[in-house]
PDB file of N, CA and C in Angstrom:
ATOM      1  N   MET A   1     146.351 141.582 235.527  1.00  0.00           N
ATOM      2  CA  MET A   1     146.078 142.605 234.799  1.00  0.00           C
ATOM      3  C   MET A   1     145.090 141.919 233.008  1.00  0.00           C
ATOM      4  N   SER A   2     145.015 143.027 232.471  1.00  0.00           N
ATOM      5  CA  SER A   2     144.391 143.316 230.729  1.00  0.00           C
ATOM      6  C   SER A   2     145.602 142.886 230.076  1.00  0.00           C
ATOM      7  N   ALA A   3     145.401 141.868 229.554  1.00  0.00           N
ATOM      8  CA  ALA A   3     146.248 142.247 227.852  1.00  0.00           C
ATOM      9  C   ALA A   3     146.400 142.859 226.721  1.00  0.00           C
ATOM     10  N   ALA A   4     147.492 143.619 226.263  1.00  0.00           N
ATOM     11  CA  ALA A   4     147.787 144.792 225.714  1.00  0.00           C
ATOM     12  C   ALA A   4     146.615 144.748 224.470  1.00  0.00           C
ATOM     13  N   LEU A   5     146.455 146.544 224.288  1.00  0.00           N
ATOM     14  CA  LEU A   5     145.732 146.582 223.571  1.00  0.00           C
ATOM     15  C   LEU A   5     146.118 146.373 222.043  1.00  0.00           C
ATOM     16  N   ARG A   6     145.327 145.849 221.495  1.00  0.00           N
ATOM     17  CA  ARG A   6     146.378 145.827 220.037  1.00  0.00           C
ATOM     18  C   ARG A   6     144.997 145.953 218.956  1.00  0.00           C
ATOM     19  N   CYS A   7     143.783 145.629 219.424  1.00  0.00           N
ATOM     20  CA  CYS A   7     142.571 146.243 217.887  1.00  0.00           C
ATOM     21  C   CYS A   7     142.087 147.163 218.173  1.00  0.00           C
ATOM     22  N   VAL A   8     141.474 148.378 217.461  1.00  0.00           N
ATOM     23  CA  VAL A   8     140.531 148.616 217.808  1.00  0.00           C
ATOM     24  C   VAL A   8     139.465 148.777 216.497  1.00  0.00           C
ATOM     25  N   PHE A   9     137.995 148.786 216.605  1.00  0.00           N
ATOM     26  CA  PHE A   9     137.162 148.600 216.115  1.00  0.00           C
ATOM     27  C   PHE A   9     136.869 149.730 216.252  1.00  0.00           C
ATOM     28  N   TYR A  10     135.617 150.755 215.444  1.00  0.00           N
ATOM     29  CA  TYR A  10     134.527 151.719 215.967  1.00  0.00           C
ATOM     30  C   TYR A  10     133.865 151.778 215.028  1.00  0.00           C
ATOM     31  N   ALA A  11     132.657 152.505 215.002  1.00  0.00           N
ATOM     32  CA  ALA A  11     131.962 152.383 213.944  1.00  0.00           C
ATOM     33  C   ALA A  11     131.406 153.723 213.753  1.00  0.00           C
ATOM     34  N   PRO A  12     131.754 153.904 212.243  1.00  0.00           N
ATOM     35  CA  PRO A  12     132.066 155.080 211.611  1.00  0.00           C
ATOM     36  C   PRO A  12     130.958 156.129 211.835  1.00  0.00           C
ATOM     37  N   GLU A  13     130.139 156.000 212.654  1.00  0.00           N
ATOM     38  CA  GLU A  13     128.721 156.975 212.621  1.00  0.00           C
ATOM     39  C   GLU A  13     128.971 157.669 214.118  1.00  0.00           C
ATOM     40  N   ILE A  14     130.239 157.881 214.766  1.00  0.00           N
ATOM     41  CA  ILE A  14     130.992 157.553 215.938  1.00  0.00           C
ATOM     42  C   ILE A  14     131.326 158.663 215.736  1.00  0.00           C
ATOM     43  N   LEU A  15     132.219 159.270 215.271  1.00  0.00           N
ATOM     44  CA  LEU A  15     133.492 159.962 214.676  1.00  0.00           C
ATOM     45  C   LEU A  15     132.665 162.010 213.867  1.00  0.00           C
ATOM     46  N   ASP A  16     132.741 162.377 214.518  1.00  0.00           N
ATOM     47  CA  ASP A  16     132.776 163.578 214.045  1.00  0.00           C
ATOM     48  C   ASP A  16     133.568 164.154 213.610  1.00  0.00           C
ATOM     49  N   PRO A  17     133.024 164.554 212.585  1.00  0.00           N
ATOM     50  CA  PRO A  17     134.690 165.290 211.600  1.00  0.00           C
ATOM     51  C   PRO A  17     134.973 166.088 212.176  1.00  0.00           C
ATOM     52  N   ALA A  18     134.482 166.908 212.942  1.00  0.00           N
ATOM     53  CA  ALA A  18     135.037 168.828 213.174  1.00  0.00           C
ATOM     54  C   ALA A  18     136.305 168.477 214.560  1.00  0.00           C
ATOM     55  N   SER A  19     135.741 167.185 215.082  1.00  0.00           N
ATOM     56  CA  SER A  19     136.871 167.457 216.041  1.00  0.00           C
ATOM     57  C   SER A  19     138.087 166.704 215.867  1.00  0.00           C
ATOM     58  N   ARG A  20     139.261 167.014 215.887  1.00  0.00           N
ATOM     59  CA  ARG A  20     140.694 166.789 216.736  1.00  0.00           C
ATOM     60  C   ARG A  20     141.552 166.075 217.421  1.00  0.00           C
ATOM     61  N   LEU A  21     140.402 165.134 218.601  1.00  0.00           N
ATOM     62  CA  LEU A  21     140.974 164.484 219.049  1.00  0.00           C
ATOM     63  C   LEU A  21     140.549 163.764 218.527  1.00  0.00           C
ATOM     64  N   ASN A  22     139.902 163.065 217.035  1.00  0.00           N
ATOM     65  CA  ASN A  22     139.921 162.073 216.636  1.00  0.00           C
ATOM     66  C   ASN A  22     141.510 161.146 216.157  1.00  0.00           C
ATOM     67  N   ASP A  23     141.994 162.101 215.552  1.00  0.00           N
ATOM     68  CA  ASP A  23     143.135 162.197 214.813  1.00  0.00           C
ATOM     69  C   ASP A  23     144.316 162.211 215.712  1.00  0.00           C
ATOM     70  N   LEU A  24     144.037 162.517 217.223  1.00  0.00           N
ATOM     71  CA  LEU A  24     144.827 162.634 217.862  1.00  0.00           C
ATOM     72  C   LEU A  24     144.833 160.848 218.690  1.00  0.00           C
ATOM     73  N   ALA A  25     143.451 160.478 219.033  1.00  0.00           N
ATOM     74  CA  ALA A  25     143.319 158.713 219.062  1.00  0.00           C
ATOM     75  C   ALA A  25     144.050 157.842 218.066  1.00  0.00           C
ATOM     76  N   LEU A  26     143.976 158.134 216.523  1.00  0.00           N
ATOM     77  CA  LEU A  26     144.654 157.364 215.382  1.00  0.00           C
ATOM     78  C   LEU A  26     145.917 157.569 215.662  1.00  0.00           C
ATOM     79  N   GLU A  27     146.742 158.536 215.490  1.00  0.00           N
ATOM     80  CA  GLU A  27     147.604 158.924 216.338  1.00  0.00           C
ATOM     81  C   GLU A  27     148.361 158.337 217.304  1.00  0.00           C
ATOM     82  N   ALA A  28     147.819 157.918 218.035  1.00  0.00           N
ATOM     83  CA  ALA A  28     148.111 157.250 219.599  1.00  0.00           C
ATOM     84  C   ALA A  28     148.047 155.852 219.283  1.00  0.00           C
ATOM     85  N   CYS A  29     147.638 155.025 218.784  1.00  0.00           N
ATOM     86  CA  CYS A  29     146.950 153.705 217.843  1.00  0.00           C
ATOM     87  C   CYS A  29     148.800 153.244 217.543  1.00  0.00           C
ATOM     88  N   ALA A  30     148.621 154.145 216.382  1.00  0.00           N
ATOM     89  CA  ALA A  30     150.305 154.080 215.784  1.00  0.00           C
ATOM     90  C   ALA A  30     151.097 153.951 216.150  1.00  0.00           C
ATOM     91  N   ARG A  31     150.993 155.021 217.523  1.00  0.00           N
ATOM     92  CA  ARG A  31     152.611 154.666 218.234  1.00  0.00           C
ATOM     93  C   ARG A  31     152.421 154.060 219.328  1.00  0.00           C
ATOM     94  N   ALA A  32     151.295 153.054 220.034  1.00  0.00           N
ATOM     95  CA  ALA A  32     151.503 151.496 220.346  1.00  0.00           C
ATOM     96  C   ALA A  32     151.307 150.671 219.810  1.00  0.00           C
ATOM     97  N   ASP A  33     151.204 150.793 217.965  1.00  0.00           N
ATOM     98  CA  ASP A  33     150.895 149.420 217.485  1.00  0.00           C
ATOM     99  C   ASP A  33     149.948 149.327 217.328  1.00  0.00           C
ATOM    100  N   VAL A  34     148.194 149.516 217.277  1.00  0.00           N
ATOM    101  CA  VAL A  34     147.323 148.960 217.602  1.00  0.00           C
ATOM    102  C   VAL A  34     146.577 149.648 216.136  1.00  0.00           C
ATOM    103  N   GLN A  35     146.411 148.678 215.366  1.00  0.00           N
ATOM    104  CA  GLN A  35     145.027 148.295 214.485  1.00  0.00           C
ATOM    105  C   GLN A  35     144.443 148.621 214.424  1.00  0.00           C
ATOM    106  N   VAL A  36     143.435 149.495 213.720  1.00  0.00           N
ATOM    107  CA  VAL A  36     142.281 150.621 213.449  1.00  0.00           C
ATOM    108  C   VAL A  36     141.171 150.365 212.674  1.00  0.00           C
ATOM    109  N   TYR A  37     140.390 150.001 212.528  1.00  0.00           N
ATOM    110  CA  TYR A  37     139.193 149.074 211.802  1.00  0.00           C
ATOM    111  C   TYR A  37     138.009 149.821 211.817  1.00  0.00           C
ATOM    112  N   ALA A  38     137.469 151.034 210.783  1.00  0.00           N
ATOM    113  CA  ALA A  38     136.237 151.788 210.825  1.00  0.00           C
ATOM    114  C   ALA A  38     135.237 150.453 210.684  1.00  0.00           C
ATOM    115  N   LEU A  39     134.540 149.454 211.190  1.00  0.00           N
ATOM    116  CA  LEU A  39     133.486 148.521 210.887  1.00  0.00           C
ATOM    117  C   LEU A  39     132.120 148.871 212.173  1.00  0.00           C
ATOM    118  N   ALA A  40     131.399 148.671 211.485  1.00  0.00           N
ATOM    119  CA  ALA A  40     129.733 148.433 211.813  1.00  0.00           C
ATOM    120  C   ALA A  40     129.396 147.395 212.311  1.00  0.00           C
ATOM    121  N   GLY A  41     130.385 145.847 211.494  1.00  0.00           N
ATOM    122  CA  GLY A  41     129.842 144.338 212.157  1.00  0.00           C
ATOM    123  C   GLY A  41     129.886 143.986 211.207  1.00  0.00           C
ATOM    124  N   ASP A  42     128.971 144.847 210.194  1.00  0.00           N
ATOM    125  CA  ASP A  42     127.328 143.752 209.072  1.00  0.00           C
ATOM    126  C   ASP A  42     128.687 144.016 207.920  1.00  0.00           C
ATOM    127  N   GLU A  43     130.179 144.671 207.752  1.00  0.00           N
ATOM    128  CA  GLU A  43     130.467 144.357 206.358  1.00  0.00           C
ATOM    129  C   GLU A  43     130.779 143.326 205.177  1.00  0.00           C
ATOM    130  N   SER A  44     130.239 143.000 203.944  1.00  0.00           N
ATOM    131  CA  SER A  44     131.005 141.929 203.703  1.00  0.00           C
ATOM    132  C   SER A  44     132.335 141.933 203.051  1.00  0.00           C
ATOM    133  N   ALA A  45     132.283 142.971 203.336  1.00  0.00           N
ATOM    134  CA  ALA A  45     134.177 142.810 202.547  1.00  0.00           C
ATOM    135  C   ALA A  45     135.397 143.755 203.690  1.00  0.00           C
ATOM    136  N   VAL A  46     136.186 143.392 203.634  1.00  0.00           N
ATOM    137  CA  VAL A  46     137.006 144.058 204.205  1.00  0.00           C
ATOM    138  C   VAL A  46     138.805 144.257 203.954  1.00  0.00           C
ATOM    139  N   GLU A  47     139.207 144.951 204.247  1.00  0.00           N
ATOM    140  CA  GLU A  47     140.598 144.939 204.094  1.00  0.00           C
ATOM    141  C   GLU A  47     141.334 145.444 205.380  1.00  0.00           C
ATOM    142  N   VAL A  48     141.880 143.780 205.305  1.00  0.00           N
ATOM    143  CA  VAL A  48     143.214 143.511 206.069  1.00  0.00           C
ATOM    144  C   VAL A  48     144.957 143.236 205.532  1.00  0.00           C
ATOM    145  N   GLY A  49     145.593 143.930 206.192  1.00  0.00           N
ATOM    146  CA  GLY A  49     147.371 143.805 205.328  1.00  0.00           C
ATOM    147  C   GLY A  49     147.122 144.057 204.214  1.00  0.00           C
ATOM    148  N   GLY A  50     146.234 145.126 203.774  1.00  0.00           N
ATOM    149  CA  GLY A  50     146.650 145.969 202.497  1.00  0.00           C
ATOM    150  C   GLY A  50     145.671 145.718 202.069  1.00  0.00           C
ATOM    151  N   GLU A  51     144.943 144.064 201.569  1.00  0.00           N
ATOM    152  CA  GLU A  51     144.104 143.580 200.920  1.00  0.00           C
ATOM    153  C   GLU A  51     142.327 143.042 200.686  1.00  0.00           C
ATOM    154  N   LEU A  52     142.091 143.482 200.312  1.00  0.00           N
ATOM    155  CA  LEU A  52     140.415 143.288 200.964  1.00  0.00           C
ATOM    156  C   LEU A  52     139.970 141.558 200.223  1.00  0.00           C
ATOM    157  N   HIS A  53     139.025 141.444 201.475  1.00  0.00           N
ATOM    158  CA  HIS A  53     138.397 140.050 201.081  1.00  0.00           C
ATOM    159  C   HIS A  53     137.039 140.411 201.273  1.00  0.00           C
ATOM    160  N   ASP A  54     136.473 139.034 200.827  1.00  0.00           N
ATOM    161  CA  ASP A  54     135.515 138.839 201.165  1.00  0.00           C
ATOM    162  C   ASP A  54     134.544 138.442 202.587  1.00  0.00           C
ATOM    163  N   VAL A  55     134.721 138.890 203.529  1.00  0.00           N
ATOM    164  CA  VAL A  55     133.455 137.835 204.609  1.00  0.00           C
ATOM    165  C   VAL A  55     132.389 137.091 204.128  1.00  0.00           C
ATOM    166  N   ALA A  56     132.744 135.413 204.485  1.00  0.00           N
ATOM    167  CA  ALA A  56     131.854 134.387 204.110  1.00  0.00           C
ATOM    168  C   ALA A  56     131.407 133.879 205.021  1.00  0.00           C
ATOM    169  N   THR A  57     131.201 134.232 206.016  1.00  0.00           N
ATOM    170  CA  THR A  57     131.240 133.777 207.406  1.00  0.00           C
ATOM    171  C   THR A  57     130.104 134.699 207.810  1.00  0.00           C
ATOM    172  N   GLU A  58     129.309 133.827 208.461  1.00  0.00           N
ATOM    173  CA  GLU A  58     127.918 134.869 209.951  1.00  0.00           C
ATOM    174  C   GLU A  58     128.206 135.943 210.610  1.00  0.00           C
ATOM    175  N   ASP A  59     130.123 135.049 211.522  1.00  0.00           N
ATOM    176  CA  ASP A  59     131.017 136.068 212.741  1.00  0.00           C
ATOM    177  C   ASP A  59     130.468 136.985 212.236  1.00  0.00           C
ATOM    178  N   GLY A  60     130.610 137.835 211.029  1.00  0.00           N
ATOM    179  CA  GLY A  60     130.760 139.239 210.876  1.00  0.00           C
ATOM    180  C   GLY A  60     132.246 139.681 210.572  1.00  0.00           C
ATOM    181  N   SER A  61     132.084 141.020 210.243  1.00  0.00           N
ATOM    182  CA  SER A  61     133.454 141.387 209.530  1.00  0.00           C
ATOM    183  C   SER A  61     133.883 141.043 211.215  1.00  0.00           C
ATOM    184  N   VAL A  62     133.904 141.909 212.305  1.00  0.00           N
ATOM    185  CA  VAL A  62     135.066 141.984 213.445  1.00  0.00           C
ATOM    186  C   VAL A  62     135.969 140.689 213.593  1.00  0.00           C
ATOM    187  N   ALA A  63     134.973 139.616 213.697  1.00  0.00           N
ATOM    188  CA  ALA A  63     135.720 138.248 214.143  1.00  0.00           C
ATOM    189  C   ALA A  63     136.001 137.858 212.772  1.00  0.00           C
ATOM    190  N   PHE A  64     136.087 138.898 211.583  1.00  0.00           N
ATOM    191  CA  PHE A  64     136.962 137.965 210.719  1.00  0.00           C
ATOM    192  C   PHE A  64     138.100 138.233 210.795  1.00  0.00           C
ATOM    193  N   VAL A  65     138.061 140.350 210.912  1.00  0.00           N
ATOM    194  CA  VAL A  65     139.586 140.673 210.907  1.00  0.00           C
ATOM    195  C   VAL A  65     140.327 139.991 212.781  1.00  0.00           C
ATOM    196  N   MET A  66     139.826 139.821 213.259  1.00  0.00           N
ATOM    197  CA  MET A  66     140.220 138.883 214.772  1.00  0.00           C
ATOM    198  C   MET A  66     140.711 137.420 214.388  1.00  0.00           C
ATOM    199  N   ARG A  67     140.085 137.640 213.585  1.00  0.00           N
ATOM    200  CA  ARG A  67     140.908 135.949 213.119  1.00  0.00           C
ATOM    201  C   ARG A  67     141.971 135.940 212.680  1.00  0.00           C
ATOM    202  N   ALA A  68     142.076 137.090 211.544  1.00  0.00           N
ATOM    203  CA  ALA A  68     142.765 137.190 210.476  1.00  0.00           C
ATOM    204  C   ALA A  68     143.916 137.639 210.790  1.00  0.00           C
ATOM    205  N   LEU A  69     144.491 138.453 211.617  1.00  0.00           N
ATOM    206  CA  LEU A  69     145.446 138.558 212.561  1.00  0.00           C
ATOM    207  C   LEU A  69     145.406 138.083 213.831  1.00  0.00           C
ATOM    208  N   GLY A  70     144.997 136.992 214.252  1.00  0.00           N
ATOM    209  CA  GLY A  70     145.635 136.222 215.462  1.00  0.00           C
ATOM    210  C   GLY A  70     145.328 136.666 216.308  1.00  0.00           C
ATOM    211  N   LEU A  71     144.030 137.416 216.483  1.00  0.00           N
ATOM    212  CA  LEU A  71     143.823 138.343 217.698  1.00  0.00           C
ATOM    213  C   LEU A  71     142.294 137.901 218.764  1.00  0.00           C
ATOM    214  N   THR A  72     143.357 138.218 220.349  1.00  0.00           N
ATOM    215  CA  THR A  72     141.933 136.871 220.709  1.00  0.00           C
ATOM    216  C   THR A  72     141.356 138.125 221.145  1.00  0.00           C
ATOM    217  N   GLY A  73     139.533 138.293 221.502  1.00  0.00           N
ATOM    218  CA  GLY A  73     138.530 139.511 222.479  1.00  0.00           C
ATOM    219  C   GLY A  73     139.342 140.106 223.271  1.00  0.00           C
ATOM    220  N   GLU A  74     139.520 139.725 224.201  1.00  0.00           N
ATOM    221  CA  GLU A  74     140.764 140.595 225.478  1.00  0.00           C
ATOM    222  C   GLU A  74     141.872 141.192 224.445  1.00  0.00           C
ATOM    223  N   GLN A  75     142.102 141.232 223.424  1.00  0.00           N
ATOM    224  CA  GLN A  75     143.427 142.379 222.414  1.00  0.00           C
ATOM    225  C   GLN A  75     142.869 142.879 221.962  1.00  0.00           C
ATOM    226  N   CYS A  76     141.267 143.054 222.028  1.00  0.00           N
ATOM    227  CA  CYS A  76     140.017 144.366 221.189  1.00  0.00           C
ATOM    228  C   CYS A  76     138.695 145.015 221.935  1.00  0.00           C
ATOM    229  N   ILE A  77     139.353 146.512 221.304  1.00  0.00           N
ATOM    230  CA  ILE A  77     138.094 146.652 221.995  1.00  0.00           C
ATOM    231  C   ILE A  77     137.182 147.532 220.829  1.00  0.00           C
ATOM    232  N   GLY A  78     135.869 147.633 220.650  1.00  0.00           N
ATOM    233  CA  GLY A  78     135.117 147.765 219.996  1.00  0.00           C
ATOM    234  C   GLY A  78     134.172 149.268 220.872  1.00  0.00           C
ATOM    235  N   VAL A  79     133.723 150.544 219.897  1.00  0.00           N
ATOM    236  CA  VAL A  79     133.359 151.597 220.043  1.00  0.00           C
ATOM    237  C   VAL A  79     132.849 151.811 219.238  1.00  0.00           C
ATOM    238  N   GLY A  80     131.415 151.832 220.570  1.00  0.00           N
ATOM    239  CA  GLY A  80     130.228 152.554 219.909  1.00  0.00           C
ATOM    240  C   GLY A  80     129.209 151.420 219.818  1.00  0.00           C
ATOM    241  N   ALA A  81     127.585 151.841 220.210  1.00  0.00           N
ATOM    242  CA  ALA A  81     127.076 151.286 220.209  1.00  0.00           C
ATOM    243  C   ALA A  81     126.526 149.673 219.034  1.00  0.00           C
ATOM    244  N   ALA A  82     126.920 149.938 218.201  1.00  0.00           N
ATOM    245  CA  ALA A  82     126.963 149.415 216.928  1.00  0.00           C
ATOM    246  C   ALA A  82     127.596 148.200 217.260  1.00  0.00           C
ATOM    247  N   LEU A  83     128.100 148.458 217.962  1.00  0.00           N
ATOM    248  CA  LEU A  83     129.822 146.901 218.000  1.00  0.00           C
ATOM    249  C   LEU A  83     129.008 146.254 219.209  1.00  0.00           C
ATOM    250  N   ALA A  84     128.406 146.862 220.364  1.00  0.00           N
ATOM    251  CA  ALA A  84     128.203 145.944 221.266  1.00  0.00           C
ATOM    252  C   ALA A  84     128.023 144.326 221.007  1.00  0.00           C
ATOM    253  N   GLY A  85     127.160 143.547 219.826  1.00  0.00           N
ATOM    254  CA  GLY A  85     127.547 142.425 219.588  1.00  0.00           C
ATOM    255  C   GLY A  85     128.375 141.573 219.516  1.00  0.00           C
ATOM    256  N   ALA A  86     129.838 143.016 219.079  1.00  0.00           N
ATOM    257  CA  ALA A  86     130.636 142.547 218.663  1.00  0.00           C
ATOM    258  C   ALA A  86     131.805 140.920 219.728  1.00  0.00           C
ATOM    259  N   PRO A  87     132.952 140.565 219.136  1.00  0.00           N
ATOM    260  CA  PRO A  87     133.269 139.956 220.027  1.00  0.00           C
ATOM    261  C   PRO A  87     134.595 140.552 220.886  1.00  0.00           C
ATOM    262  N   VAL A  88     134.477 141.640 220.957  1.00  0.00           N
ATOM    263  CA  VAL A  88     135.588 142.392 221.353  1.00  0.00           C
ATOM    264  C   VAL A  88     135.373 142.230 222.698  1.00  0.00           C
ATOM    265  N   GLY A  89     136.605 142.087 223.709  1.00  0.00           N
ATOM    266  CA  GLY A  89     136.794 142.213 225.055  1.00  0.00           C
ATOM    267  C   GLY A  89     136.249 143.279 225.964  1.00  0.00           C
ATOM    268  N   THR A  90     135.817 144.926 225.024  1.00  0.00           N
ATOM    269  CA  THR A  90     135.295 145.735 226.262  1.00  0.00           C
ATOM    270  C   THR A  90     134.898 146.698 225.251  1.00  0.00           C
ATOM    271  N   VAL A  91     133.116 146.546 224.917  1.00  0.00           N
ATOM    272  CA  VAL A  91     133.350 147.617 224.271  1.00  0.00           C
ATOM    273  C   VAL A  91     132.527 149.161 224.958  1.00  0.00           C
ATOM    274  N   TRP A  92     133.434 150.338 224.596  1.00  0.00           N
ATOM    275  CA  TRP A  92     132.654 151.555 224.715  1.00  0.00           C
ATOM    276  C   TRP A  92     131.594 152.412 224.051  1.00  0.00           C
ATOM    277  N   VAL A  93     130.762 152.827 225.033  1.00  0.00           N
ATOM    278  CA  VAL A  93     129.250 153.219 224.323  1.00  0.00           C
ATOM    279  C   VAL A  93     129.186 154.771 224.863  1.00  0.00           C
ATOM    280  N   SER A  94     128.203 155.684 224.307  1.00  0.00           N
ATOM    281  CA  SER A  94     128.326 157.084 225.122  1.00  0.00           C
ATOM    282  C   SER A  94     127.413 157.133 225.881  1.00  0.00           C
ATOM    283  N   PRO A  95     127.099 157.911 226.771  1.00  0.00           N
ATOM    284  CA  PRO A  95     126.198 158.093 227.984  1.00  0.00           C
ATOM    285  C   PRO A  95     125.237 157.785 227.557  1.00  0.00           C
ATOM    286  N   LEU A  96     124.646 158.110 226.604  1.00  0.00           N
ATOM    287  CA  LEU A  96     123.368 158.213 225.789  1.00  0.00           C
ATOM    288  C   LEU A  96     122.482 156.819 225.289  1.00  0.00           C
ATOM    289  N   ASP A  97     123.672 155.528 225.452  1.00  0.00           N
ATOM    290  CA  ASP A  97     123.193 154.512 224.759  1.00  0.00           C
ATOM    291  C   ASP A  97     122.807 154.029 225.990  1.00  0.00           C
ATOM    292  N   LEU A  98     121.455 154.076 226.968  1.00  0.00           N
ATOM    293  CA  LEU A  98     121.199 153.323 228.080  1.00  0.00           C
ATOM    294  C   LEU A  98     120.787 151.700 227.664  1.00  0.00           C
ATOM    295  N   GLU A  99     120.658 151.616 226.719  1.00  0.00           N
ATOM    296  CA  GLU A  99     120.425 150.307 225.857  1.00  0.00           C
ATOM    297  C   GLU A  99     121.307 148.966 226.751  1.00  0.00           C
ATOM    298  N   ILE A 100     122.448 149.607 225.904  1.00  0.00           N
ATOM    299  CA  ILE A 100     124.112 149.011 226.434  1.00  0.00           C
ATOM    300  C   ILE A 100     124.303 148.829 227.827  1.00  0.00           C
ATOM    301  N   ARG A 101     124.502 147.596 228.267  1.00  0.00           N
ATOM    302  CA  ARG A 101     124.890 147.810 229.999  1.00  0.00           C
ATOM    303  C   ARG A 101     125.023 146.225 229.548  1.00  0.00           C
ATOM    304  N   GLY A 102     126.596 146.009 230.217  1.00  0.00           N
ATOM    305  CA  GLY A 102     126.781 144.645 230.889  1.00  0.00           C
ATOM    306  C   GLY A 102     128.521 144.513 231.624  1.00  0.00           C
ATOM    307  N   SER A 103     129.112 143.741 231.866  1.00  0.00           N
ATOM    308  CA  SER A 103     129.840 143.899 232.184  1.00  0.00           C
ATOM    309  C   SER A 103     131.354 144.373 231.423  1.00  0.00           C
ATOM    310  N   PHE A 104     131.051 144.049 229.757  1.00  0.00           N
ATOM    311  CA  PHE A 104     131.967 144.076 229.526  1.00  0.00           C
ATOM    312  C   PHE A 104     131.629 145.894 228.774  1.00  0.00           C
ATOM    313  N   VAL A 105     130.734 146.160 229.157  1.00  0.00           N
ATOM    314  CA  VAL A 105     130.544 147.612 228.309  1.00  0.00           C
ATOM    315  C   VAL A 105     131.360 148.597 229.894  1.00  0.00           C
ATOM    316  N   ARG A 106     131.724 149.571 228.764  1.00  0.00           N
ATOM    317  CA  ARG A 106     132.210 150.300 229.264  1.00  0.00           C
ATOM    318  C   ARG A 106     131.319 151.992 228.737  1.00  0.00           C
ATOM    319  N   VAL A 107     131.432 152.862 229.545  1.00  0.00           N
ATOM    320  CA  VAL A 107     130.382 154.174 229.380  1.00  0.00           C
ATOM    321  C   VAL A 107     131.449 155.330 229.366  1.00  0.00           C
ATOM    322  N   ALA A 108     131.754 156.110 228.478  1.00  0.00           N
ATOM    323  CA  ALA A 108     131.905 157.388 228.684  1.00  0.00           C
ATOM    324  C   ALA A 108     132.000 158.647 229.327  1.00  0.00           C
ATOM    325  N   GLU A 109     133.099 159.571 229.922  1.00  0.00           N
ATOM    326  CA  GLU A 109     132.124 160.133 230.755  1.00  0.00           C
ATOM    327  C   GLU A 109     131.134 160.923 230.002  1.00  0.00           C
ATOM    328  N   GLU A 110     131.528 161.439 228.737  1.00  0.00           N
ATOM    329  CA  GLU A 110     130.784 162.559 227.525  1.00  0.00           C
ATOM    330  C   GLU A 110     130.141 161.547 226.098  1.00  0.00           C
ATOM    331  N   GLU A 111     129.114 162.632 225.736  1.00  0.00           N
ATOM    332  CA  GLU A 111     128.866 162.110 224.573  1.00  0.00           C
ATOM    333  C   GLU A 111     129.806 162.287 223.557  1.00  0.00           C
ATOM    334  N   ASP A 112     130.400 163.288 223.263  1.00  0.00           N
ATOM    335  CA  ASP A 112     131.953 163.849 222.647  1.00  0.00           C
ATOM    336  C   ASP A 112     132.944 163.152 222.006  1.00  0.00           C
ATOM    337  N   ASP A 113     133.290 162.943 221.347  1.00  0.00           N
ATOM    338  CA  ASP A 113     134.792 162.316 221.347  1.00  0.00           C
ATOM    339  C   ASP A 113     135.059 160.685 222.022  1.00  0.00           C
ATOM    340  N   LEU A 114     134.127 159.772 221.624  1.00  0.00           N
ATOM    341  CA  LEU A 114     134.282 158.782 222.242  1.00  0.00           C
ATOM    342  C   LEU A 114     135.050 158.077 221.797  1.00  0.00           C
ATOM    343  N   LEU A 115     135.408 158.338 220.608  1.00  0.00           N
ATOM    344  CA  LEU A 115     136.832 157.397 220.367  1.00  0.00           C
ATOM    345  C   LEU A 115     137.987 157.882 221.206  1.00  0.00           C
ATOM    346  N   TYR A 116     138.273 159.256 221.309  1.00  0.00           N
ATOM    347  CA  TYR A 116     139.142 159.887 221.688  1.00  0.00           C
ATOM    348  C   TYR A 116     139.401 159.000 223.449  1.00  0.00           C
ATOM    349  N   GLN A 117     138.193 159.316 224.108  1.00  0.00           N
ATOM    350  CA  GLN A 117     138.160 158.659 225.419  1.00  0.00           C
ATOM    351  C   GLN A 117     138.643 157.283 225.739  1.00  0.00           C
ATOM    352  N   ALA A 118     138.156 156.037 224.425  1.00  0.00           N
ATOM    353  CA  ALA A 118     138.676 155.273 224.753  1.00  0.00           C
ATOM    354  C   ALA A 118     140.028 154.472 224.597  1.00  0.00           C
ATOM    355  N   VAL A 119     140.221 154.928 223.932  1.00  0.00           N
ATOM    356  CA  VAL A 119     142.093 154.510 223.513  1.00  0.00           C
ATOM    357  C   VAL A 119     142.629 155.262 224.148  1.00  0.00           C
ATOM    358  N   ILE A 120     142.318 156.743 224.815  1.00  0.00           N
ATOM    359  CA  ILE A 120     143.075 157.238 225.864  1.00  0.00           C
ATOM    360  C   ILE A 120     142.953 156.079 226.993  1.00  0.00           C
ATOM    361  N   SER A 121     142.255 155.868 227.508  1.00  0.00           N
ATOM    362  CA  SER A 121     141.487 155.266 228.562  1.00  0.00           C
ATOM    363  C   SER A 121     142.023 153.554 228.656  1.00  0.00           C
ATOM    364  N   GLU A 122     141.926 153.295 227.460  1.00  0.00           N
ATOM    365  CA  GLU A 122     142.034 152.004 227.502  1.00  0.00           C
ATOM    366  C   GLU A 122     143.904 151.738 227.451  1.00  0.00           C
ATOM    367  N   LEU A 123     144.535 152.653 226.643  1.00  0.00           N
ATOM    368  CA  LEU A 123     146.086 152.841 226.387  1.00  0.00           C
ATOM    369  C   LEU A 123     146.440 152.979 228.200  1.00  0.00           C
ATOM    370  N   ALA A 124     146.556 153.967 228.423  1.00  0.00           N
ATOM    371  CA  ALA A 124     146.712 154.647 229.935  1.00  0.00           C
ATOM    372  C   ALA A 124     146.461 152.529 230.675  1.00  0.00           C
ATOM    373  N   GLN A 125     145.221 152.444 230.766  1.00  0.00           N
ATOM    374  CA  GLN A 125     145.284 151.669 232.364  1.00  0.00           C
ATOM    375  C   GLN A 125     145.773 150.056 231.442  1.00  0.00           C
ATOM    376  N   ARG A 126     146.146 149.888 230.285  1.00  0.00           N
ATOM    377  CA  ARG A 126     147.401 148.221 229.572  1.00  0.00           C
ATOM    378  C   ARG A 126     148.043 149.080 229.772  1.00  0.00           C
ATOM    379  N   ARG A 127     148.762 149.655 230.134  1.00  0.00           N
ATOM    380  CA  ARG A 127     150.697 150.089 229.873  1.00  0.00           C
ATOM    381  C   ARG A 127     150.884 148.627 230.611  1.00  0.00           C
TER     382      ARG A 127
END
């Protein structure tokens, strides 16, 4: 059985600002008490718990947030090809991201609304 989903990291460029499904995905995370971070993994500072922190390690911003929240990779997913190298348990990519493959990669059925597909699938699977 998979660990409960506790955190979603998504690459900001995957969002379609015109899609209402992004809002539904974020609402589902809020209801399930899942933290959400818009990070590409290379940020020099991140906000955790309402406070801005400098990311002083080479591990990157995703690993920094995971350590700060006390999370394991299995409790986290990444959404977007930019997060393929992040220390999360699963990375969701578009079917157009053919170069990103591996046992930790899940390919969405459609190119659009990647965040929604990832969040709803993971929440349903991990109940």
